[in-house]
Each structure stands twice: as structure tokens, then as C-alpha cells.
Amino acid sequence: MPNVLIVDDSMFQRFALAKTVKGLGYDVIEAKNGQECLDAVARSAPDMILLDLNMPVLNGFEVLEALQSQKSTIPVVVVSADIQESSRERCLKLGARAVLGKPFQDQKLAVLLSELVGAQHSA
């Protein structure tokens, strides 16, 4: 079963995302900051990452930069309350496949998971 890494410093947001992702048939790995995210990527090689931007230790932009420098091919979807166009553009420039605002819409998330994780498994 594909693994989705959920990275958010808010326990409530991780819970809400995990509930949706598990309900769609995926396994979930959780991290509460950017450093835990990078550690989980090295340890577990998730099929997809759902990433918040505003977190302690390493923020989402720093995680995207680190993944880009590692030439990671893991698809990343940013899920953030920061939906300014400049932030969105920066995320996409750093390799994010999509940016979803909070609160996220279950249907949009389901479509992205299907498209991005499905593409990983058929490649």
C-alpha cells in the first residue's frame, strides 16, 4: 500500500489529513516539523508528501529546497494556510506539484493523490 508522509506542526491538521488519506486507502507516516520530514524521507521513502509551510525547525520552503538539492522524485503537495500567490509560485518553483489551501477539500486531495501516487507506481 502506498505511503503518504504528512508534515504539519499542528496535531489537528495532521489528524484531519491522516483521516482523509487513510480513508482513501493509503498508509500514513507523520512528521511535525521539517527536520522530521527529511528524516522520514531518508528512512521510509514515502510515495508522496503533504507539506505545511509554516513549521518550526525547518519550514516547508526549506524542506522543498533540501528535497530539490537531493534530486528527490517524491511528489510534494503543499497544504498551507499561506495561499499568497508569491508563496504558491515559490513552492512550484521549488518542485511542489500542487498547492492546496487550508482548510483542504477532500475531493481535490483525493484527485491529487490518485494522479501523483498512481503516476509514481506506474513509472
PDB file of N, CA and C in Angstrom:
ATOM      1  N   MET A   1       0.846  -1.184   0.000  1.00  0.00           N
ATOM      2  CA  MET A   1       0.000   0.000   0.000  1.00  0.00           C
ATOM      3  C   MET A   1       0.894   1.251   0.000  1.00  0.00           C
ATOM      4  N   PRO A   2       0.594   2.234  -0.829  1.00  0.00           N
ATOM      5  CA  PRO A   2       1.426   3.441  -0.887  1.00  0.00           C
ATOM      6  C   PRO A   2       1.425   4.212   0.438  1.00  0.00           C
ATOM      7  N   ASN A   3       2.578   4.803   0.752  1.00  0.00           N
ATOM      8  CA  ASN A   3       2.752   5.605   1.967  1.00  0.00           C
ATOM      9  C   ASN A   3       2.695   7.085   1.639  1.00  0.00           C
ATOM     10  N   VAL A   4       1.963   7.839   2.439  1.00  0.00           N
ATOM     11  CA  VAL A   4       1.904   9.288   2.305  1.00  0.00           C
ATOM     12  C   VAL A   4       2.449   9.891   3.594  1.00  0.00           C
ATOM     13  N   LEU A   5       3.462  10.748   3.452  1.00  0.00           N
ATOM     14  CA  LEU A   5       4.052  11.440   4.594  1.00  0.00           C
ATOM     15  C   LEU A   5       3.330  12.766   4.788  1.00  0.00           C
ATOM     16  N   ILE A   6       2.738  12.944   5.971  1.00  0.00           N
ATOM     17  CA  ILE A   6       2.016  14.169   6.316  1.00  0.00           C
ATOM     18  C   ILE A   6       2.886  14.974   7.265  1.00  0.00           C
ATOM     19  N   VAL A   7       3.204  16.217   6.849  1.00  0.00           N
ATOM     20  CA  VAL A   7       4.119  17.048   7.626  1.00  0.00           C
ATOM     21  C   VAL A   7       3.415  18.344   8.015  1.00  0.00           C
ATOM     22  N   ASP A   8       3.137  18.494   9.305  1.00  0.00           N
ATOM     23  CA  ASP A   8       2.465  19.692   9.805  1.00  0.00           C
ATOM     24  C   ASP A   8       2.725  19.778  11.305  1.00  0.00           C
ATOM     25  N   ASP A   9       2.999  20.987  11.795  1.00  0.00           N
ATOM     26  CA  ASP A   9       3.244  21.123  13.230  1.00  0.00           C
ATOM     27  C   ASP A   9       1.957  21.096  14.041  1.00  0.00           C
ATOM     28  N   SER A  10       0.809  21.226  13.387  1.00  0.00           N
ATOM     29  CA  SER A  10      -0.479  21.170  14.072  1.00  0.00           C
ATOM     30  C   SER A  10      -0.975  19.724  14.152  1.00  0.00           C
ATOM     31  N   MET A  11      -1.127  19.229  15.370  1.00  0.00           N
ATOM     32  CA  MET A  11      -1.630  17.869  15.554  1.00  0.00           C
ATOM     33  C   MET A  11      -3.021  17.730  14.941  1.00  0.00           C
ATOM     34  N   PHE A  12      -3.848  18.763  15.068  1.00  0.00           N
ATOM     35  CA  PHE A  12      -5.192  18.724  14.497  1.00  0.00           C
ATOM     36  C   PHE A  12      -5.130  18.578  12.978  1.00  0.00           C
ATOM     37  N   GLN A  13      -4.269  19.341  12.322  1.00  0.00           N
ATOM     38  CA  GLN A  13      -4.160  19.256  10.864  1.00  0.00           C
ATOM     39  C   GLN A  13      -3.634  17.893  10.421  1.00  0.00           C
ATOM     40  N   ARG A  14      -2.644  17.362  11.154  1.00  0.00           N
ATOM     41  CA  ARG A  14      -2.135  16.024  10.821  1.00  0.00           C
ATOM     42  C   ARG A  14      -3.249  14.992  10.965  1.00  0.00           C
ATOM     43  N   PHE A  15      -4.035  15.118  12.041  1.00  0.00           N
ATOM     44  CA  PHE A  15      -5.137  14.181  12.263  1.00  0.00           C
ATOM     45  C   PHE A  15      -6.156  14.264  11.127  1.00  0.00           C
ATOM     46  N   ALA A  16      -6.539  15.484  10.751  1.00  0.00           N
ATOM     47  CA  ALA A  16      -7.547  15.663   9.697  1.00  0.00           C
ATOM     48  C   ALA A  16      -7.045  15.119   8.353  1.00  0.00           C
ATOM     49  N   LEU A  17      -5.807  15.432   8.021  1.00  0.00           N
ATOM     50  CA  LEU A  17      -5.240  14.914   6.768  1.00  0.00           C
ATOM     51  C   LEU A  17      -5.107  13.395   6.815  1.00  0.00           C
ATOM     52  N   ALA A  18      -4.617  12.871   7.936  1.00  0.00           N
ATOM     53  CA  ALA A  18      -4.429  11.420   8.065  1.00  0.00           C
ATOM     54  C   ALA A  18      -5.750  10.679   7.927  1.00  0.00           C
ATOM     55  N   LYS A  19      -6.793  11.219   8.531  1.00  0.00           N
ATOM     56  CA  LYS A  19      -8.115  10.581   8.435  1.00  0.00           C
ATOM     57  C   LYS A  19      -8.566  10.492   6.980  1.00  0.00           C
ATOM     58  N   THR A  20      -8.402  11.576   6.240  1.00  0.00           N
ATOM     59  CA  THR A  20      -8.799  11.595   4.831  1.00  0.00           C
ATOM     60  C   THR A  20      -7.935  10.640   4.008  1.00  0.00           C
ATOM     61  N   VAL A  21      -6.628  10.716   4.201  1.00  0.00           N
ATOM     62  CA  VAL A  21      -5.692   9.902   3.416  1.00  0.00           C
ATOM     63  C   VAL A  21      -5.899   8.409   3.697  1.00  0.00           C
ATOM     64  N   LYS A  22      -6.042   8.046   4.975  1.00  0.00           N
ATOM     65  CA  LYS A  22      -6.293   6.641   5.320  1.00  0.00           C
ATOM     66  C   LYS A  22      -7.617   6.170   4.730  1.00  0.00           C
ATOM     67  N   GLY A  23      -8.627   7.049   4.750  1.00  0.00           N
ATOM     68  CA  GLY A  23      -9.930   6.711   4.188  1.00  0.00           C
ATOM     69  C   GLY A  23      -9.885   6.443   2.691  1.00  0.00           C
ATOM     70  N   LEU A  24      -8.863   6.985   2.034  1.00  0.00           N
ATOM     71  CA  LEU A  24      -8.675   6.764   0.598  1.00  0.00           C
ATOM     72  C   LEU A  24      -7.811   5.532   0.311  1.00  0.00           C
ATOM     73  N   GLY A  25      -7.395   4.844   1.386  1.00  0.00           N
ATOM     74  CA  GLY A  25      -6.672   3.585   1.210  1.00  0.00           C
ATOM     75  C   GLY A  25      -5.159   3.674   1.209  1.00  0.00           C
ATOM     76  N   TYR A  26      -4.603   4.732   1.767  1.00  0.00           N
ATOM     77  CA  TYR A  26      -3.156   4.892   1.827  1.00  0.00           C
ATOM     78  C   TYR A  26      -2.667   4.719   3.264  1.00  0.00           C
ATOM     79  N   ASP A  27      -1.426   4.271   3.411  1.00  0.00           N
ATOM     80  CA  ASP A  27      -0.781   4.266   4.722  1.00  0.00           C
ATOM     81  C   ASP A  27      -0.253   5.664   4.989  1.00  0.00           C
ATOM     82  N   VAL A  28      -0.138   6.032   6.267  1.00  0.00           N
ATOM     83  CA  VAL A  28       0.273   7.374   6.646  1.00  0.00           C
ATOM     84  C   VAL A  28       1.498   7.321   7.551  1.00  0.00           C
ATOM     85  N   ILE A  29       2.438   8.214   7.268  1.00  0.00           N
ATOM     86  CA  ILE A  29       3.577   8.487   8.137  1.00  0.00           C
ATOM     87  C   ILE A  29       3.418   9.949   8.535  1.00  0.00           C
ATOM     88  N   GLU A  30       3.701  10.290   9.791  1.00  0.00           N
ATOM     89  CA  GLU A  30       3.535  11.685  10.231  1.00  0.00           C
ATOM     90  C   GLU A  30       4.853  12.281  10.705  1.00  0.00           C
ATOM     91  N   ALA A  31       4.997  13.582  10.461  1.00  0.00           N
ATOM     92  CA  ALA A  31       6.133  14.350  10.966  1.00  0.00           C
ATOM     93  C   ALA A  31       5.611  15.708  11.401  1.00  0.00           C
ATOM     94  N   LYS A  32       6.189  16.262  12.480  1.00  0.00           N
ATOM     95  CA  LYS A  32       5.657  17.524  12.999  1.00  0.00           C
ATOM     96  C   LYS A  32       6.518  18.742  12.682  1.00  0.00           C
ATOM     97  N   ASN A  33       7.619  18.520  11.955  1.00  0.00           N
ATOM     98  CA  ASN A  33       8.429  19.660  11.506  1.00  0.00           C
ATOM     99  C   ASN A  33       9.260  19.229  10.300  1.00  0.00           C
ATOM    100  N   GLY A  34       9.956  20.186   9.725  1.00  0.00           N
ATOM    101  CA  GLY A  34      10.703  19.912   8.508  1.00  0.00           C
ATOM    102  C   GLY A  34      11.836  18.928   8.678  1.00  0.00           C
ATOM    103  N   GLN A  35      12.527  18.985   9.821  1.00  0.00           N
ATOM    104  CA  GLN A  35      13.624  18.037  10.040  1.00  0.00           C
ATOM    105  C   GLN A  35      13.096  16.614  10.159  1.00  0.00           C
ATOM    106  N   GLU A  36      11.981  16.442  10.889  1.00  0.00           N
ATOM    107  CA  GLU A  36      11.371  15.110  10.983  1.00  0.00           C
ATOM    108  C   GLU A  36      10.952  14.624   9.601  1.00  0.00           C
ATOM    109  N   CYS A  37      10.505  15.540   8.760  1.00  0.00           N
ATOM    110  CA  CYS A  37      10.128  15.192   7.386  1.00  0.00           C
ATOM    111  C   CYS A  37      11.322  14.614   6.636  1.00  0.00           C
ATOM    112  N   LEU A  38      12.440  15.329   6.651  1.00  0.00           N
ATOM    113  CA  LEU A  38      13.616  14.859   5.922  1.00  0.00           C
ATOM    114  C   LEU A  38      14.127  13.537   6.489  1.00  0.00           C
ATOM    115  N   ASP A  39      14.045  13.366   7.815  1.00  0.00           N
ATOM    116  CA  ASP A  39      14.441  12.099   8.438  1.00  0.00           C
ATOM    117  C   ASP A  39      13.529  10.968   7.967  1.00  0.00           C
ATOM    118  N   ALA A  40      12.219  11.245   7.902  1.00  0.00           N
ATOM    119  CA  ALA A  40      11.252  10.228   7.463  1.00  0.00           C
ATOM    120  C   ALA A  40      11.454   9.875   5.991  1.00  0.00           C
ATOM    121  N   VAL A  41      11.796  10.867   5.176  1.00  0.00           N
ATOM    122  CA  VAL A  41      12.063  10.606   3.754  1.00  0.00           C
ATOM    123  C   VAL A  41      13.254   9.659   3.621  1.00  0.00           C
ATOM    124  N   ALA A  42      14.317   9.917   4.377  1.00  0.00           N
ATOM    125  CA  ALA A  42      15.509   9.066   4.321  1.00  0.00           C
ATOM    126  C   ALA A  42      15.220   7.655   4.826  1.00  0.00           C
ATOM    127  N   ARG A  43      14.387   7.556   5.843  1.00  0.00           N
ATOM    128  CA  ARG A  43      14.096   6.282   6.494  1.00  0.00           C
ATOM    129  C   ARG A  43      13.041   5.467   5.751  1.00  0.00           C
ATOM    130  N   SER A  44      11.992   6.136   5.241  1.00  0.00           N
ATOM    131  CA  SER A  44      10.809   5.420   4.753  1.00  0.00           C
ATOM    132  C   SER A  44      10.525   5.555   3.264  1.00  0.00           C
ATOM    133  N   ALA A  45      11.176   6.477   2.574  1.00  0.00           N
ATOM    134  CA  ALA A  45      10.937   6.704   1.148  1.00  0.00           C
ATOM    135  C   ALA A  45       9.434   6.713   0.818  1.00  0.00           C
ATOM    136  N   PRO A  46       8.695   7.712   1.308  1.00  0.00           N
ATOM    137  CA  PRO A  46       7.249   7.752   1.055  1.00  0.00           C
ATOM    138  C   PRO A  46       6.946   7.945  -0.436  1.00  0.00           C
ATOM    139  N   ASP A  47       5.723   7.588  -0.814  1.00  0.00           N
ATOM    140  CA  ASP A  47       5.291   7.735  -2.204  1.00  0.00           C
ATOM    141  C   ASP A  47       4.839   9.155  -2.511  1.00  0.00           C
ATOM    142  N   MET A  48       4.511   9.921  -1.462  1.00  0.00           N
ATOM    143  CA  MET A  48       4.060  11.290  -1.634  1.00  0.00           C
ATOM    144  C   MET A  48       4.209  12.017  -0.302  1.00  0.00           C
ATOM    145  N   ILE A  49       4.379  13.349  -0.382  1.00  0.00           N
ATOM    146  CA  ILE A  49       4.483  14.169   0.824  1.00  0.00           C
ATOM    147  C   ILE A  49       3.424  15.263   0.776  1.00  0.00           C
ATOM    148  N   LEU A  50       2.680  15.407   1.872  1.00  0.00           N
ATOM    149  CA  LEU A  50       1.770  16.536   2.072  1.00  0.00           C
ATOM    150  C   LEU A  50       2.453  17.443   3.080  1.00  0.00           C
ATOM    151  N   LEU A  51       2.798  18.660   2.657  1.00  0.00           N
ATOM    152  CA  LEU A  51       3.723  19.504   3.404  1.00  0.00           C
ATOM    153  C   LEU A  51       3.125  20.857   3.763  1.00  0.00           C
ATOM    154  N   ASP A  52       3.171  21.189   5.050  1.00  0.00           N
ATOM    155  CA  ASP A  52       2.812  22.525   5.518  1.00  0.00           C
ATOM    156  C   ASP A  52       3.998  23.454   5.282  1.00  0.00           C
ATOM    157  N   LEU A  53       3.762  24.759   5.241  1.00  0.00           N
ATOM    158  CA  LEU A  53       4.856  25.714   5.056  1.00  0.00           C
ATOM    159  C   LEU A  53       5.389  26.266   6.367  1.00  0.00           C
ATOM    160  N   ASN A  54       4.499  26.689   7.245  1.00  0.00           N
ATOM    161  CA  ASN A  54       4.902  27.378   8.472  1.00  0.00           C
ATOM    162  C   ASN A  54       5.051  26.390   9.618  1.00  0.00           C
ATOM    163  N   MET A  55       6.318  25.964   9.827  1.00  0.00           N
ATOM    164  CA  MET A  55       6.626  24.986  10.868  1.00  0.00           C
ATOM    165  C   MET A  55       7.941  25.351  11.530  1.00  0.00           C
ATOM    166  N   PRO A  56       8.163  24.836  12.758  1.00  0.00           N
ATOM    167  CA  PRO A  56       9.457  25.063  13.420  1.00  0.00           C
ATOM    168  C   PRO A  56      10.548  24.155  12.844  1.00  0.00           C
ATOM    169  N   VAL A  57      11.753  24.386  13.268  1.00  0.00           N
ATOM    170  CA  VAL A  57      12.973  23.655  12.923  1.00  0.00           C
ATOM    171  C   VAL A  57      13.348  23.918  11.462  1.00  0.00           C
ATOM    172  N   LEU A  58      12.658  23.327  10.518  1.00  0.00           N
ATOM    173  CA  LEU A  58      12.794  23.659   9.096  1.00  0.00           C
ATOM    174  C   LEU A  58      11.390  23.930   8.575  1.00  0.00           C
ATOM    175  N   ASN A  59      11.210  25.035   7.864  1.00  0.00           N
ATOM    176  CA  ASN A  59       9.874  25.300   7.317  1.00  0.00           C
ATOM    177  C   ASN A  59       9.695  24.576   5.987  1.00  0.00           C
ATOM    178  N   GLY A  60       8.518  24.678   5.422  1.00  0.00           N
ATOM    179  CA  GLY A  60       8.208  23.964   4.185  1.00  0.00           C
ATOM    180  C   GLY A  60       9.082  24.369   3.012  1.00  0.00           C
ATOM    181  N   PHE A  61       9.410  25.659   2.908  1.00  0.00           N
ATOM    182  CA  PHE A  61      10.293  26.106   1.833  1.00  0.00           C
ATOM    183  C   PHE A  61      11.671  25.453   1.956  1.00  0.00           C
ATOM    184  N   GLU A  62      12.174  25.381   3.198  1.00  0.00           N
ATOM    185  CA  GLU A  62      13.483  24.769   3.425  1.00  0.00           C
ATOM    186  C   GLU A  62      13.458  23.270   3.109  1.00  0.00           C
ATOM    187  N   VAL A  63      12.342  22.620   3.402  1.00  0.00           N
ATOM    188  CA  VAL A  63      12.197  21.203   3.062  1.00  0.00           C
ATOM    189  C   VAL A  63      12.198  21.039   1.543  1.00  0.00           C
ATOM    190  N   LEU A  64      11.450  21.873   0.840  1.00  0.00           N
ATOM    191  CA  LEU A  64      11.425  21.800  -0.623  1.00  0.00           C
ATOM    192  C   LEU A  64      12.824  22.020  -1.205  1.00  0.00           C
ATOM    193  N   GLU A  65      13.555  22.992  -0.655  1.00  0.00           N
ATOM    194  CA  GLU A  65      14.923  23.259  -1.124  1.00  0.00           C
ATOM    195  C   GLU A  65      15.819  22.037  -0.887  1.00  0.00           C
ATOM    196  N   ALA A  66      15.699  21.421   0.289  1.00  0.00           N
ATOM    197  CA  ALA A  66      16.510  20.243   0.607  1.00  0.00           C
ATOM    198  C   ALA A  66      16.170  19.078  -0.326  1.00  0.00           C
ATOM    199  N   LEU A  67      14.888  18.842  -0.556  1.00  0.00           N
ATOM    200  CA  LEU A  67      14.475  17.755  -1.450  1.00  0.00           C
ATOM    201  C   LEU A  67      14.970  18.014  -2.870  1.00  0.00           C
ATOM    202  N   GLN A  68      14.905  19.283  -3.291  1.00  0.00           N
ATOM    203  CA  GLN A  68      15.370  19.640  -4.630  1.00  0.00           C
ATOM    204  C   GLN A  68      16.883  19.386  -4.745  1.00  0.00           C
ATOM    205  N   SER A  69      17.636  19.754  -3.721  1.00  0.00           N
ATOM    206  CA  SER A  69      19.094  19.554  -3.762  1.00  0.00           C
ATOM    207  C   SER A  69      19.456  18.066  -3.723  1.00  0.00           C
ATOM    208  N   GLN A  70      18.578  17.245  -3.136  1.00  0.00           N
ATOM    209  CA  GLN A  70      18.788  15.789  -3.103  1.00  0.00           C
ATOM    210  C   GLN A  70      18.281  15.121  -4.382  1.00  0.00           C
ATOM    211  N   LYS A  71      17.739  15.923  -5.290  1.00  0.00           N
ATOM    212  CA  LYS A  71      17.166  15.418  -6.548  1.00  0.00           C
ATOM    213  C   LYS A  71      16.062  14.389  -6.298  1.00  0.00           C
ATOM    214  N   SER A  72      15.268  14.655  -5.248  1.00  0.00           N
ATOM    215  CA  SER A  72      14.157  13.770  -4.888  1.00  0.00           C
ATOM    216  C   SER A  72      13.090  13.776  -5.984  1.00  0.00           C
ATOM    217  N   THR A  73      12.542  12.612  -6.251  1.00  0.00           N
ATOM    218  CA  THR A  73      11.445  12.497  -7.215  1.00  0.00           C
ATOM    219  C   THR A  73      10.100  12.269  -6.531  1.00  0.00           C
ATOM    220  N   ILE A  74      10.089  12.340  -5.200  1.00  0.00           N
ATOM    221  CA  ILE A  74       8.842  12.145  -4.454  1.00  0.00           C
ATOM    222  C   ILE A  74       7.936  13.350  -4.699  1.00  0.00           C
ATOM    223  N   PRO A  75       6.704  13.121  -5.179  1.00  0.00           N
ATOM    224  CA  PRO A  75       5.804  14.259  -5.386  1.00  0.00           C
ATOM    225  C   PRO A  75       5.414  14.905  -4.058  1.00  0.00           C
ATOM    226  N   VAL A  76       5.441  16.243  -4.056  1.00  0.00           N
ATOM    227  CA  VAL A  76       5.093  17.009  -2.862  1.00  0.00           C
ATOM    228  C   VAL A  76       3.900  17.903  -3.178  1.00  0.00           C
ATOM    229  N   VAL A  77       2.899  17.853  -2.307  1.00  0.00           N
ATOM    230  CA  VAL A  77       1.773  18.784  -2.374  1.00  0.00           C
ATOM    231  C   VAL A  77       1.828  19.624  -1.113  1.00  0.00           C
ATOM    232  N   VAL A  78       1.895  20.926  -1.289  1.00  0.00           N
ATOM    233  CA  VAL A  78       1.899  21.837  -0.157  1.00  0.00           C
ATOM    234  C   VAL A  78       0.455  22.074   0.270  1.00  0.00           C
ATOM    235  N   VAL A  79       0.188  21.911   1.570  1.00  0.00           N
ATOM    236  CA  VAL A  79      -1.129  22.164   2.144  1.00  0.00           C
ATOM    237  C   VAL A  79      -0.913  23.227   3.212  1.00  0.00           C
ATOM    238  N   SER A  80      -1.327  24.469   2.921  1.00  0.00           N
ATOM    239  CA  SER A  80      -0.968  25.566   3.809  1.00  0.00           C
ATOM    240  C   SER A  80      -2.055  26.632   3.855  1.00  0.00           C
ATOM    241  N   ALA A  81      -2.105  27.324   4.990  1.00  0.00           N
ATOM    242  CA  ALA A  81      -3.000  28.476   5.106  1.00  0.00           C
ATOM    243  C   ALA A  81      -2.421  29.681   4.371  1.00  0.00           C
ATOM    244  N   ASP A  82      -1.118  29.641   4.069  1.00  0.00           N
ATOM    245  CA  ASP A  82      -0.448  30.713   3.334  1.00  0.00           C
ATOM    246  C   ASP A  82      -0.706  30.504   1.847  1.00  0.00           C
ATOM    247  N   ILE A  83      -1.728  31.169   1.330  1.00  0.00           N
ATOM    248  CA  ILE A  83      -2.093  30.959  -0.071  1.00  0.00           C
ATOM    249  C   ILE A  83      -1.799  32.195  -0.922  1.00  0.00           C
ATOM    250  N   GLN A  84      -0.843  33.008  -0.477  1.00  0.00           N
ATOM    251  CA  GLN A  84      -0.437  34.155  -1.283  1.00  0.00           C
ATOM    252  C   GLN A  84       0.152  33.651  -2.599  1.00  0.00           C
ATOM    253  N   GLU A  85      -0.075  34.392  -3.662  1.00  0.00           N
ATOM    254  CA  GLU A  85       0.415  33.979  -4.970  1.00  0.00           C
ATOM    255  C   GLU A  85       1.940  33.841  -4.974  1.00  0.00           C
ATOM    256  N   SER A  86       2.644  34.741  -4.280  1.00  0.00           N
ATOM    257  CA  SER A  86       4.111  34.659  -4.253  1.00  0.00           C
ATOM    258  C   SER A  86       4.582  33.364  -3.573  1.00  0.00           C
ATOM    259  N   SER A  87       3.895  32.940  -2.519  1.00  0.00           N
ATOM    260  CA  SER A  87       4.246  31.686  -1.837  1.00  0.00           C
ATOM    261  C   SER A  87       3.949  30.497  -2.732  1.00  0.00           C
ATOM    262  N   ARG A  88       2.813  30.546  -3.393  1.00  0.00           N
ATOM    263  CA  ARG A  88       2.422  29.465  -4.307  1.00  0.00           C
ATOM    264  C   ARG A  88       3.461  29.314  -5.416  1.00  0.00           C
ATOM    265  N   GLU A  89       3.836  30.427  -6.024  1.00  0.00           N
ATOM    266  CA  GLU A  89       4.830  30.394  -7.106  1.00  0.00           C
ATOM    267  C   GLU A  89       6.169  29.866  -6.609  1.00  0.00           C
ATOM    268  N   ARG A  90       6.571  30.285  -5.423  1.00  0.00           N
ATOM    269  CA  ARG A  90       7.842  29.817  -4.864  1.00  0.00           C
ATOM    270  C   ARG A  90       7.810  28.308  -4.631  1.00  0.00           C
ATOM    271  N   CYS A  91       6.688  27.798  -4.113  1.00  0.00           N
ATOM    272  CA  CYS A  91       6.547  26.357  -3.885  1.00  0.00           C
ATOM    273  C   CYS A  91       6.681  25.587  -5.201  1.00  0.00           C
ATOM    274  N   LEU A  92       5.993  26.053  -6.220  1.00  0.00           N
ATOM    275  CA  LEU A  92       6.030  25.360  -7.514  1.00  0.00           C
ATOM    276  C   LEU A  92       7.427  25.432  -8.126  1.00  0.00           C
ATOM    277  N   LYS A  93       8.095  26.564  -7.969  1.00  0.00           N
ATOM    278  CA  LYS A  93       9.457  26.724  -8.486  1.00  0.00           C
ATOM    279  C   LYS A  93      10.422  25.769  -7.775  1.00  0.00           C
ATOM    280  N   LEU A  94      10.140  25.487  -6.493  1.00  0.00           N
ATOM    281  CA  LEU A  94      10.979  24.584  -5.707  1.00  0.00           C
ATOM    282  C   LEU A  94      10.588  23.113  -5.884  1.00  0.00           C
ATOM    283  N   GLY A  95       9.646  22.842  -6.788  1.00  0.00           N
ATOM    284  CA  GLY A  95       9.347  21.451  -7.111  1.00  0.00           C
ATOM    285  C   GLY A  95       8.036  20.891  -6.600  1.00  0.00           C
ATOM    286  N   ALA A  96       7.266  21.669  -5.842  1.00  0.00           N
ATOM    287  CA  ALA A  96       5.953  21.159  -5.406  1.00  0.00           C
ATOM    288  C   ALA A  96       5.080  20.923  -6.636  1.00  0.00           C
ATOM    289  N   ARG A  97       4.295  19.874  -6.602  1.00  0.00           N
ATOM    290  CA  ARG A  97       3.426  19.558  -7.735  1.00  0.00           C
ATOM    291  C   ARG A  97       2.123  20.332  -7.692  1.00  0.00           C
ATOM    292  N   ALA A  98       1.706  20.722  -6.475  1.00  0.00           N
ATOM    293  CA  ALA A  98       0.452  21.459  -6.309  1.00  0.00           C
ATOM    294  C   ALA A  98       0.470  22.148  -4.957  1.00  0.00           C
ATOM    295  N   VAL A  99      -0.398  23.154  -4.814  1.00  0.00           N
ATOM    296  CA  VAL A  99      -0.553  23.867  -3.556  1.00  0.00           C
ATOM    297  C   VAL A  99      -2.038  23.908  -3.230  1.00  0.00           C
ATOM    298  N   LEU A 100      -2.393  23.371  -2.063  1.00  0.00           N
ATOM    299  CA  LEU A 100      -3.782  23.392  -1.597  1.00  0.00           C
ATOM    300  C   LEU A 100      -3.881  24.325  -0.400  1.00  0.00           C
ATOM    301  N   GLY A 101      -4.956  25.103  -0.340  1.00  0.00           N
ATOM    302  CA  GLY A 101      -5.188  25.957   0.816  1.00  0.00           C
ATOM    303  C   GLY A 101      -5.817  25.167   1.952  1.00  0.00           C
ATOM    304  N   LYS A 102      -5.679  25.702   3.157  1.00  0.00           N
ATOM    305  CA  LYS A 102      -6.374  25.136   4.317  1.00  0.00           C
ATOM    306  C   LYS A 102      -7.582  26.016   4.583  1.00  0.00           C
ATOM    307  N   PRO A 103      -8.705  25.454   4.936  1.00  0.00           N
ATOM    308  CA  PRO A 103      -8.931  24.010   5.048  1.00  0.00           C
ATOM    309  C   PRO A 103      -8.947  23.369   3.659  1.00  0.00           C
ATOM    310  N   PHE A 104      -8.360  22.176   3.564  1.00  0.00           N
ATOM    311  CA  PHE A 104      -8.280  21.481   2.282  1.00  0.00           C
ATOM    312  C   PHE A 104      -9.617  20.848   1.933  1.00  0.00           C
ATOM    313  N   GLN A 105      -9.813  20.631   0.637  1.00  0.00           N
ATOM    314  CA  GLN A 105     -11.034  19.966   0.163  1.00  0.00           C
ATOM    315  C   GLN A 105     -10.702  18.495  -0.085  1.00  0.00           C
ATOM    316  N   ASP A 106     -11.467  17.604   0.553  1.00  0.00           N
ATOM    317  CA  ASP A 106     -11.224  16.170   0.430  1.00  0.00           C
ATOM    318  C   ASP A 106     -11.157  15.722  -1.031  1.00  0.00           C
ATOM    319  N   GLN A 107     -12.065  16.225  -1.860  1.00  0.00           N
ATOM    320  CA  GLN A 107     -12.126  15.787  -3.251  1.00  0.00           C
ATOM    321  C   GLN A 107     -10.869  16.180  -4.029  1.00  0.00           C
ATOM    322  N   LYS A 108     -10.397  17.416  -3.826  1.00  0.00           N
ATOM    323  CA  LYS A 108      -9.167  17.854  -4.505  1.00  0.00           C
ATOM    324  C   LYS A 108      -7.985  17.005  -4.070  1.00  0.00           C
ATOM    325  N   LEU A 109      -7.915  16.728  -2.772  1.00  0.00           N
ATOM    326  CA  LEU A 109      -6.830  15.909  -2.243  1.00  0.00           C
ATOM    327  C   LEU A 109      -6.902  14.501  -2.827  1.00  0.00           C
ATOM    328  N   ALA A 110      -8.083  13.925  -2.913  1.00  0.00           N
ATOM    329  CA  ALA A 110      -8.259  12.582  -3.460  1.00  0.00           C
ATOM    330  C   ALA A 110      -7.774  12.517  -4.905  1.00  0.00           C
ATOM    331  N   VAL A 111      -8.111  13.526  -5.698  1.00  0.00           N
ATOM    332  CA  VAL A 111      -7.692  13.554  -7.108  1.00  0.00           C
ATOM    333  C   VAL A 111      -6.164  13.646  -7.203  1.00  0.00           C
ATOM    334  N   LEU A 112      -5.560  14.536  -6.405  1.00  0.00           N
ATOM    335  CA  LEU A 112      -4.103  14.681  -6.433  1.00  0.00           C
ATOM    336  C   LEU A 112      -3.398  13.399  -6.004  1.00  0.00           C
ATOM    337  N   LEU A 113      -3.886  12.757  -4.952  1.00  0.00           N
ATOM    338  CA  LEU A 113      -3.292  11.501  -4.501  1.00  0.00           C
ATOM    339  C   LEU A 113      -3.355  10.454  -5.606  1.00  0.00           C
ATOM    340  N   SER A 114      -4.495  10.349  -6.219  1.00  0.00           N
ATOM    341  CA  SER A 114      -4.681   9.371  -7.280  1.00  0.00           C
ATOM    342  C   SER A 114      -3.736   9.650  -8.446  1.00  0.00           C
ATOM    343  N   GLU A 115      -3.679  10.905  -8.871  1.00  0.00           N
ATOM    344  CA  GLU A 115      -2.831  11.276 -10.013  1.00  0.00           C
ATOM    345  C   GLU A 115      -1.354  11.107  -9.702  1.00  0.00           C
ATOM    346  N   LEU A 116      -0.905  11.632  -8.562  1.00  0.00           N
ATOM    347  CA  LEU A 116       0.518  11.676  -8.279  1.00  0.00           C
ATOM    348  C   LEU A 116       1.078  10.359  -7.756  1.00  0.00           C
ATOM    349  N   VAL A 117       0.358   9.685  -6.885  1.00  0.00           N
ATOM    350  CA  VAL A 117       0.841   8.408  -6.383  1.00  0.00           C
ATOM    351  C   VAL A 117       0.672   7.335  -7.447  1.00  0.00           C
ATOM    352  N   GLY A 118      -0.426   7.401  -8.192  1.00  0.00           N
ATOM    353  CA  GLY A 118      -0.639   6.466  -9.292  1.00  0.00           C
ATOM    354  C   GLY A 118       0.458   6.577 -10.336  1.00  0.00           C
ATOM    355  N   ALA A 119       0.877   7.801 -10.636  1.00  0.00           N
ATOM    356  CA  ALA A 119       1.941   8.033 -11.620  1.00  0.00           C
ATOM    357  C   ALA A 119       3.266   7.449 -11.118  1.00  0.00           C
ATOM    358  N   GLN A 120       3.507   7.576  -9.805  1.00  0.00           N
ATOM    359  CA  GLN A 120       4.739   7.032  -9.221  1.00  0.00           C
ATOM    360  C   GLN A 120       4.778   5.523  -9.367  1.00  0.00           C
ATOM    361  N   HIS A 121       3.647   4.872  -9.148  1.00  0.00           N
ATOM    362  CA  HIS A 121       3.617   3.417  -9.155  1.00  0.00           C
ATOM    363  C   HIS A 121       3.593   2.809 -10.543  1.00  0.00           C
ATOM    364  N   SER A 122       3.197   3.601 -11.548  1.00  0.00           N
ATOM    365  CA  SER A 122       3.178   3.073 -12.905  1.00  0.00           C
ATOM    366  C   SER A 122       4.468   3.416 -13.645  1.00  0.00           C
ATOM    367  N   ALA A 123       5.315   4.239 -13.021  1.00  0.00           N
ATOM    368  CA  ALA A 123       6.573   4.643 -13.688  1.00  0.00           C
ATOM    369  C   ALA A 123       7.630   3.576 -13.564  1.00  0.00           C
TER     370      ALA A 123
END
